[in-house]
Amino acid sequence: MFVTELKLNNYRNYGEEKINFKPNINLIVGKNAQGKTNLLETIYYSAIGKSPRTTKDADLINWNKDKASFVLSLQKKEGKKTIEVIFNRQTKKTIKVNGVNLLKIGDLLGVNNVVFFSPDELKLVKDAPQDRRKFMDTDISQLNKSYFYQLVKYNKIIDQRNKLLKSKNNPKTIEQTLPIWDAQLCDAGSKLIKKRIEFLDKLKEYVVASHKFLTGGKETLEISYAGILGETTEEISQKLAKALLECREKDLKLGYTNVGPHRDDIKLIVNGIDIRSFGSQGQQRTVALSMKLAELEIFKEECGEYPILLLDDVLSELDQDRQQRLLWKVKDVQTIITTTQYDPFMMQDANIIKIENGKHLTE
């Protein structure tokens, strides 16, 4: 799949603009703070239904306007798709696919698939486990809508269980009510864990291969799921129920749920060292990029076509050898890259899009 055209209207620092893209490398060039990343943001939003940079849709509307919108034209194997998103300061956003209003965000998932990488994505490796859980949840949700709805359900169960743990209710009432929430947590949670384990098992092969390619075989990466494991949802559910019982006293004392998929992680080991805590920034960046490249292959395997790769100011973080390796690796993927400068020889076949102060400069 690939983006063919993007139309913007009062989106962030843009007025009315139309930008055309080509199926392979597209390079968005401009000085800092000109609006390059805003273009990647719209493409990400068209796939996920939210921004990777803000939780407030109002931030996406030009500061002196009440409304904003963008329309993305997409070419897929099965035909053309248009995704339109309309923002309004006074009302909820509207999302349309081929002109039809979507009633739920979940209906957007899978229409457009993206993989997004920026310098901030280093947190995927070095920051808290929630970033690695988000990595899994975002990908699996794009591939499987039922996972997204199961995740929403699970989060509601956790919220209710935590409210009960924090409540001032009679201890006996709490003890009688907790098993009800525990049963629901085990049912929903075991399904999430099973899907994550399956996803990571498939991803592992591609991550290791990408990492070996980017490092020239100089480093060895091991990746595994850190949490409750099992071959079936029934086995996982039983282990989760046991863990909840063992943690009940701790949960009551602290006022929140200490075990479950909302506490799990991905373990990353490079040359025998836990890269999450002890790796160099260069090693962590290479692992993070390897995970992103592996996502491309998972989408290709599951959907029959590559997703769109969005690289926000990533080339400047890589030496020339790794830049060349990366560009070779994504030669069959529509890749949209933002940068302040570039090597004309290395990018001789790229579609160059020049941006200045929210305007697309045409030759």
Protein backbone atom coordinates (compact mmCIF):
# COMPACT_ATOMS: atom_id res chain seq x y z
CA MET A 1 0.00 0.00 0.00
CA PHE A 2 1.10 3.60 -0.44
CA VAL A 3 -0.13 7.17 -0.02
CA THR A 4 -0.70 8.97 -3.31
CA GLU A 5 -1.96 12.36 -2.13
CA LEU A 6 -2.48 14.38 1.03
CA LYS A 7 -4.72 17.45 1.21
CA LEU A 8 -4.60 19.68 4.29
CA ASN A 9 -6.84 22.48 5.46
CA ASN A 10 -5.80 24.53 8.51
CA TYR A 11 -3.97 21.54 10.00
CA ARG A 12 -1.45 22.87 12.54
CA ASN A 13 0.70 25.46 10.71
CA TYR A 14 -0.73 24.66 7.26
CA GLY A 15 -3.39 26.53 5.33
CA GLU A 16 -4.62 24.77 2.20
CA GLU A 17 -2.01 22.46 0.72
CA LYS A 18 -1.89 19.43 -1.56
CA ILE A 19 1.11 17.11 -1.60
CA ASN A 20 1.71 14.17 -3.93
CA PHE A 21 3.72 11.11 -2.93
CA LYS A 22 5.45 8.36 -4.89
CA PRO A 23 5.40 4.63 -4.04
CA ASN A 24 8.99 4.38 -2.79
CA ILE A 25 11.26 6.96 -1.06
CA ASN A 26 9.73 10.37 -0.31
CA LEU A 27 11.99 12.93 1.36
CA ILE A 28 10.37 15.87 3.16
CA VAL A 29 13.06 18.53 3.43
CA GLY A 30 13.10 21.77 5.38
CA LYS A 31 14.60 23.62 8.31
CA ASN A 32 13.46 22.84 11.85
CA ALA A 33 9.95 23.89 12.95
CA GLN A 34 8.60 24.29 9.39
CA GLY A 35 5.89 21.59 9.57
CA LYS A 36 7.66 18.50 8.22
CA THR A 37 6.63 16.23 11.10
CA ASN A 38 3.04 17.48 10.83
CA LEU A 39 2.76 15.65 7.51
CA LEU A 40 3.87 12.36 9.06
CA GLU A 41 1.44 12.99 11.91
CA THR A 42 -1.55 13.08 9.54
CA ILE A 43 -0.54 9.77 7.96
CA TYR A 44 -0.13 8.17 11.40
CA TYR A 45 -3.48 9.63 12.49
CA SER A 46 -5.20 8.18 9.44
CA ALA A 47 -4.12 4.69 10.58
CA ILE A 48 -4.42 4.83 14.37
CA GLY A 49 -7.08 7.50 14.95
CA LYS A 50 -4.87 9.60 17.21
CA SER A 51 -1.69 11.64 17.10
CA PRO A 52 1.69 10.23 18.18
CA ARG A 53 2.53 13.63 19.69
CA THR A 54 -0.52 14.93 21.57
CA THR A 55 -3.67 13.65 23.23
CA LYS A 56 -5.58 16.86 22.41
CA ASP A 57 -7.15 17.08 18.96
CA ALA A 58 -7.50 20.83 19.44
CA ASP A 59 -3.71 21.08 19.14
CA LEU A 60 -4.04 19.92 15.53
CA ILE A 61 -6.16 22.93 14.49
CA ASN A 62 -4.40 26.05 13.22
CA TRP A 63 -4.26 28.40 16.23
CA ASN A 64 -6.55 31.08 14.71
CA LYS A 65 -9.09 28.68 13.17
CA ASP A 66 -12.10 26.74 14.51
CA LYS A 67 -11.85 23.78 12.13
CA ALA A 68 -9.19 21.73 10.39
CA SER A 69 -9.11 18.67 8.18
CA PHE A 70 -6.99 16.43 6.04
CA VAL A 71 -7.80 13.93 3.30
CA LEU A 72 -5.43 11.06 2.59
CA SER A 73 -5.62 9.11 -0.68
CA LEU A 74 -4.32 5.57 -0.40
CA GLN A 75 -3.61 2.88 -2.99
CA LYS A 76 -4.05 -0.69 -1.69
CA LYS A 77 -4.06 -4.08 -3.37
CA GLU A 78 -7.86 -4.14 -3.33
CA GLY A 79 -8.20 -0.62 -4.69
CA LYS A 80 -8.20 3.03 -3.71
CA LYS A 81 -9.20 4.35 -0.29
CA THR A 82 -9.70 7.88 1.01
CA ILE A 83 -9.51 8.72 4.69
CA GLU A 84 -10.84 12.11 5.76
CA VAL A 85 -10.51 13.47 9.29
CA ILE A 86 -12.32 16.67 10.31
CA PHE A 87 -11.49 18.46 13.57
CA ASN A 88 -13.74 21.01 15.26
CA ARG A 89 -13.03 22.93 18.46
CA GLN A 90 -16.70 22.72 19.46
CA THR A 91 -17.55 19.11 18.58
CA LYS A 92 -15.98 15.68 18.29
CA LYS A 93 -13.84 14.82 15.30
CA THR A 94 -15.36 13.12 12.27
CA ILE A 95 -13.59 10.31 10.42
CA LYS A 96 -14.72 9.13 7.00
CA VAL A 97 -13.49 6.26 4.84
CA ASN A 98 -14.52 6.54 1.20
CA GLY A 99 -17.02 9.21 2.28
CA VAL A 100 -18.72 7.03 4.93
CA ASN A 101 -18.71 8.20 8.56
CA LEU A 102 -17.10 5.80 11.02
CA LEU A 103 -18.95 5.31 14.29
CA LYS A 104 -16.01 3.79 16.19
CA ILE A 105 -12.23 4.30 16.11
CA GLY A 106 -11.86 0.54 15.91
CA ASP A 107 -13.44 0.60 12.44
CA LEU A 108 -10.48 2.66 11.19
CA LEU A 109 -7.87 0.08 12.19
CA GLY A 110 -6.49 -1.84 9.24
CA VAL A 111 -7.64 0.62 6.57
CA ASN A 112 -4.17 2.15 6.52
CA ASN A 113 -1.20 0.50 8.25
CA VAL A 114 1.85 2.49 9.33
CA VAL A 115 5.15 2.01 11.13
CA PHE A 116 6.41 5.23 12.74
CA PHE A 117 9.96 5.87 13.93
CA SER A 118 11.46 9.04 15.40
CA PRO A 119 14.34 9.83 17.77
CA ASP A 120 11.75 9.71 20.58
CA GLU A 121 11.15 6.05 19.75
CA LEU A 122 14.38 5.29 21.60
CA LYS A 123 12.08 5.09 24.62
CA LEU A 124 10.80 1.85 23.07
CA VAL A 125 14.02 0.27 24.32
CA LYS A 126 15.30 2.33 27.22
CA ASP A 127 12.18 3.68 28.95
CA ALA A 128 9.40 2.10 30.99
CA PRO A 129 7.69 -1.21 30.02
CA GLN A 130 4.53 0.71 29.06
CA ASP A 131 6.28 1.88 25.87
CA ARG A 132 7.03 -1.70 24.84
CA ARG A 133 3.47 -2.75 25.68
CA LYS A 134 2.20 0.13 23.55
CA PHE A 135 4.42 -1.11 20.70
CA MET A 136 2.77 -4.54 20.82
CA ASP A 137 -0.76 -3.24 21.37
CA THR A 138 -0.60 -0.73 18.50
CA ASP A 139 0.66 -3.31 16.01
CA ILE A 140 -1.65 -6.13 17.02
CA SER A 141 -4.64 -3.75 17.01
CA GLN A 142 -3.87 -2.72 13.42
CA LEU A 143 -3.66 -6.39 12.46
CA ASN A 144 -6.60 -7.63 14.54
CA LYS A 145 -9.54 -5.41 15.50
CA SER A 146 -10.83 -7.94 18.02
CA TYR A 147 -7.60 -7.47 19.98
CA PHE A 148 -8.25 -3.72 20.15
CA TYR A 149 -11.75 -4.25 21.56
CA GLN A 150 -10.41 -6.88 23.99
CA LEU A 151 -7.79 -4.36 25.15
CA VAL A 152 -10.45 -1.70 25.72
CA LYS A 153 -12.49 -4.23 27.72
CA TYR A 154 -9.48 -5.26 29.79
CA ASN A 155 -8.56 -1.66 30.63
CA LYS A 156 -12.10 -1.05 31.90
CA ILE A 157 -11.86 -4.15 34.10
CA ILE A 158 -8.54 -2.96 35.54
CA ASP A 159 -10.03 0.49 36.23
CA GLN A 160 -12.97 -1.06 38.10
CA ARG A 161 -10.78 -3.46 40.07
CA ASN A 162 -8.42 -0.65 41.08
CA LYS A 163 -11.34 1.52 42.18
CA LEU A 164 -12.52 -1.32 44.39
CA LEU A 165 -9.01 -1.79 45.83
CA LYS A 166 -8.82 1.93 46.66
CA SER A 167 -12.37 2.16 48.00
CA LYS A 168 -13.30 2.64 51.64
CA ASN A 169 -15.84 -0.15 51.47
CA ASN A 170 -16.16 -2.72 54.20
CA PRO A 171 -13.16 -5.13 53.88
CA LYS A 172 -15.57 -8.06 53.77
CA THR A 173 -17.46 -6.48 50.84
CA ILE A 174 -14.18 -5.97 48.98
CA GLU A 175 -13.12 -9.59 49.60
CA GLN A 176 -16.47 -10.82 48.27
CA THR A 177 -16.41 -8.58 45.17
CA LEU A 178 -12.77 -9.04 44.10
CA PRO A 179 -13.26 -12.61 42.77
CA ILE A 180 -15.88 -11.30 40.34
CA TRP A 181 -13.41 -8.82 38.83
CA ASP A 182 -10.59 -11.38 39.00
CA ALA A 183 -12.57 -13.84 36.86
CA GLN A 184 -13.22 -11.15 34.22
CA LEU A 185 -9.59 -10.00 34.36
CA CYS A 186 -8.31 -13.56 33.81
CA ASP A 187 -10.66 -14.12 30.87
CA ALA A 188 -9.78 -10.87 29.05
CA GLY A 189 -6.15 -10.76 30.15
CA SER A 190 -5.31 -14.31 29.06
CA LYS A 191 -6.57 -13.55 25.54
CA LEU A 192 -4.35 -10.45 25.33
CA ILE A 193 -1.28 -12.31 26.59
CA LYS A 194 -1.82 -15.19 24.15
CA LYS A 195 -2.02 -12.77 21.19
CA ARG A 196 1.08 -10.89 22.38
CA ILE A 197 3.09 -14.10 22.71
CA GLU A 198 2.04 -15.19 19.21
CA PHE A 199 2.90 -11.76 17.81
CA LEU A 200 6.30 -11.67 19.50
CA ASP A 201 7.14 -15.20 18.36
CA LYS A 202 6.59 -14.10 14.75
CA LEU A 203 8.31 -10.74 15.23
CA LYS A 204 11.39 -12.28 16.88
CA GLU A 205 12.72 -13.85 13.69
CA TYR A 206 12.49 -10.57 11.78
CA VAL A 207 13.91 -8.43 14.62
CA VAL A 208 16.97 -10.67 14.98
CA ALA A 209 17.54 -10.70 11.19
CA SER A 210 17.19 -6.88 10.90
CA HIS A 211 19.50 -6.33 13.87
CA LYS A 212 22.12 -8.66 12.38
CA PHE A 213 21.88 -6.80 9.07
CA LEU A 214 22.19 -3.32 10.62
CA THR A 215 25.14 -4.30 12.83
CA GLY A 216 26.90 -6.29 10.13
CA GLY A 217 26.61 -9.38 12.32
CA LYS A 218 28.76 -7.85 15.07
CA GLU A 219 26.06 -8.16 17.76
CA THR A 220 23.55 -10.84 18.77
CA LEU A 221 20.03 -9.92 19.90
CA GLU A 222 17.64 -12.06 21.93
CA ILE A 223 14.01 -11.01 22.44
CA SER A 224 11.31 -12.59 24.62
CA TYR A 225 8.02 -11.87 26.39
CA ALA A 226 8.41 -10.99 30.08
CA GLY A 227 5.24 -11.93 31.93
CA ILE A 228 2.91 -14.85 32.51
CA LEU A 229 3.46 -17.47 29.80
CA GLY A 230 1.42 -20.43 28.56
CA GLU A 231 0.60 -22.53 25.53
CA THR A 232 -3.17 -21.89 25.70
CA THR A 233 -5.46 -19.16 26.98
CA GLU A 234 -6.75 -21.64 29.58
CA GLU A 235 -3.26 -22.24 30.95
CA ILE A 236 -2.50 -18.51 30.99
CA SER A 237 -5.83 -17.78 32.70
CA GLN A 238 -5.09 -20.33 35.44
CA LYS A 239 -1.62 -18.90 36.03
CA LEU A 240 -3.03 -15.37 36.08
CA ALA A 241 -5.69 -16.39 38.65
CA LYS A 242 -3.01 -17.90 40.86
CA ALA A 243 -0.83 -14.78 40.57
CA LEU A 244 -3.78 -12.53 41.48
CA LEU A 245 -4.44 -14.57 44.63
CA GLU A 246 -0.77 -14.40 45.60
CA CYS A 247 -0.74 -10.62 45.08
CA ARG A 248 -4.10 -9.88 46.69
CA GLU A 249 -2.66 -8.63 49.98
CA LYS A 250 -0.17 -6.45 48.11
CA ASP A 251 -2.92 -5.13 45.81
CA LEU A 252 -5.11 -4.19 48.79
CA LYS A 253 -2.20 -2.45 50.49
CA LEU A 254 -1.10 -0.47 47.42
CA GLY A 255 -4.56 0.11 45.93
CA TYR A 256 -3.86 -1.17 42.41
CA THR A 257 -3.45 -4.40 40.43
CA ASN A 258 0.15 -5.62 40.35
CA VAL A 259 -0.08 -8.52 37.88
CA GLY A 260 -1.57 -8.90 34.41
CA PRO A 261 -0.79 -7.90 30.83
CA HIS A 262 -0.83 -4.23 31.88
CA ARG A 263 2.40 -4.95 33.83
CA ASP A 264 4.22 -7.14 31.29
CA ASP A 265 7.29 -6.27 29.22
CA ILE A 266 9.58 -7.31 26.35
CA LYS A 267 13.02 -8.54 27.36
CA LEU A 268 15.85 -7.39 25.06
CA ILE A 269 19.34 -8.89 25.41
CA VAL A 270 22.33 -7.89 23.23
CA ASN A 271 25.50 -9.94 23.60
CA GLY A 272 24.25 -11.18 26.97
CA ILE A 273 23.51 -7.67 28.32
CA ASP A 274 20.04 -6.30 29.12
CA ILE A 275 19.94 -3.49 26.57
CA ARG A 276 16.99 -1.82 28.33
CA SER A 277 19.19 -0.73 31.25
CA PHE A 278 22.81 -1.16 30.26
CA GLY A 279 23.14 -0.62 26.52
CA SER A 280 24.75 2.37 24.86
CA GLN A 281 22.51 4.86 23.11
CA GLY A 282 23.80 3.63 19.76
CA GLN A 283 22.96 0.02 20.62
CA GLN A 284 19.53 1.01 21.89
CA ARG A 285 18.82 2.97 18.72
CA THR A 286 19.83 0.03 16.54
CA VAL A 287 17.57 -2.35 18.50
CA ALA A 288 14.65 0.09 18.29
CA LEU A 289 15.13 0.49 14.53
CA SER A 290 15.41 -3.31 14.15
CA MET A 291 12.05 -3.70 15.90
CA LYS A 292 10.50 -1.15 13.57
CA LEU A 293 11.90 -2.84 10.46
CA ALA A 294 10.58 -6.16 11.75
CA GLU A 295 7.10 -4.61 11.95
CA LEU A 296 7.22 -4.11 8.17
CA GLU A 297 7.71 -7.83 7.62
CA ILE A 298 4.96 -8.81 10.05
CA PHE A 299 2.47 -6.58 8.22
CA LYS A 300 3.60 -8.00 4.87
CA GLU A 301 3.14 -11.54 6.19
CA GLU A 302 -0.27 -10.88 7.76
CA CYS A 303 -1.80 -8.43 5.25
CA GLY A 304 -0.07 -9.35 2.01
CA GLU A 305 1.44 -5.89 1.53
CA TYR A 306 3.88 -3.62 3.31
CA PRO A 307 2.65 -0.79 5.52
CA ILE A 308 3.85 2.79 5.09
CA LEU A 309 7.11 3.56 6.89
CA LEU A 310 7.37 7.00 8.51
CA LEU A 311 10.87 8.10 9.54
CA ASP A 312 10.99 11.39 11.43
CA ASP A 313 14.50 12.89 11.41
CA VAL A 314 16.06 9.42 11.80
CA LEU A 315 18.81 9.57 9.16
CA SER A 316 20.73 12.23 11.11
CA GLU A 317 20.96 9.75 14.00
CA LEU A 318 22.69 7.09 11.86
CA ASP A 319 26.18 6.91 10.37
CA GLN A 320 26.42 6.70 6.57
CA ASP A 321 26.88 2.92 6.53
CA ARG A 322 23.68 2.36 8.53
CA GLN A 323 21.83 4.94 6.44
CA GLN A 324 22.69 2.97 3.31
CA ARG A 325 21.78 -0.34 4.94
CA LEU A 326 18.44 1.10 6.08
CA LEU A 327 17.57 2.53 2.65
CA TRP A 328 18.42 -0.78 0.98
CA LYS A 329 16.28 -2.64 3.51
CA VAL A 330 13.18 -0.52 2.75
CA LYS A 331 13.61 -0.35 -1.03
CA ASP A 332 10.25 -2.11 -1.58
CA VAL A 333 8.35 -0.06 1.03
CA GLN A 334 6.83 3.39 0.67
CA THR A 335 9.05 5.34 3.04
CA ILE A 336 8.38 8.95 3.98
CA ILE A 337 11.36 10.62 5.63
CA THR A 338 11.74 14.06 7.19
CA THR A 339 15.17 15.68 7.25
CA THR A 340 16.91 19.05 7.34
CA GLN A 341 19.58 17.97 4.84
CA TYR A 342 20.40 15.03 2.61
CA ASP A 343 22.96 13.51 0.29
CA PRO A 344 21.72 14.18 -3.29
CA PHE A 345 23.62 11.15 -4.62
CA MET A 346 22.15 8.77 -2.01
CA MET A 347 18.67 10.21 -2.62
CA GLN A 348 18.87 10.60 -6.41
CA ASP A 349 15.72 8.47 -6.95
CA ALA A 350 13.71 9.98 -4.10
CA ASN A 351 10.67 12.22 -4.43
CA ILE A 352 11.83 15.49 -2.84
CA ILE A 353 9.14 17.52 -1.02
CA LYS A 354 10.36 20.91 0.21
CA ILE A 355 8.52 22.52 3.12
CA GLU A 356 8.89 26.05 4.44
CA ASN A 357 6.65 27.59 7.11
CA GLY A 358 3.73 25.27 6.41
CA LYS A 359 3.93 25.62 2.65
CA HIS A 360 4.89 23.11 -0.02
CA LEU A 361 7.52 24.77 -2.22
CA THR A 362 7.21 23.76 -5.85
CA GLU A 363 10.03 24.24 -8.32
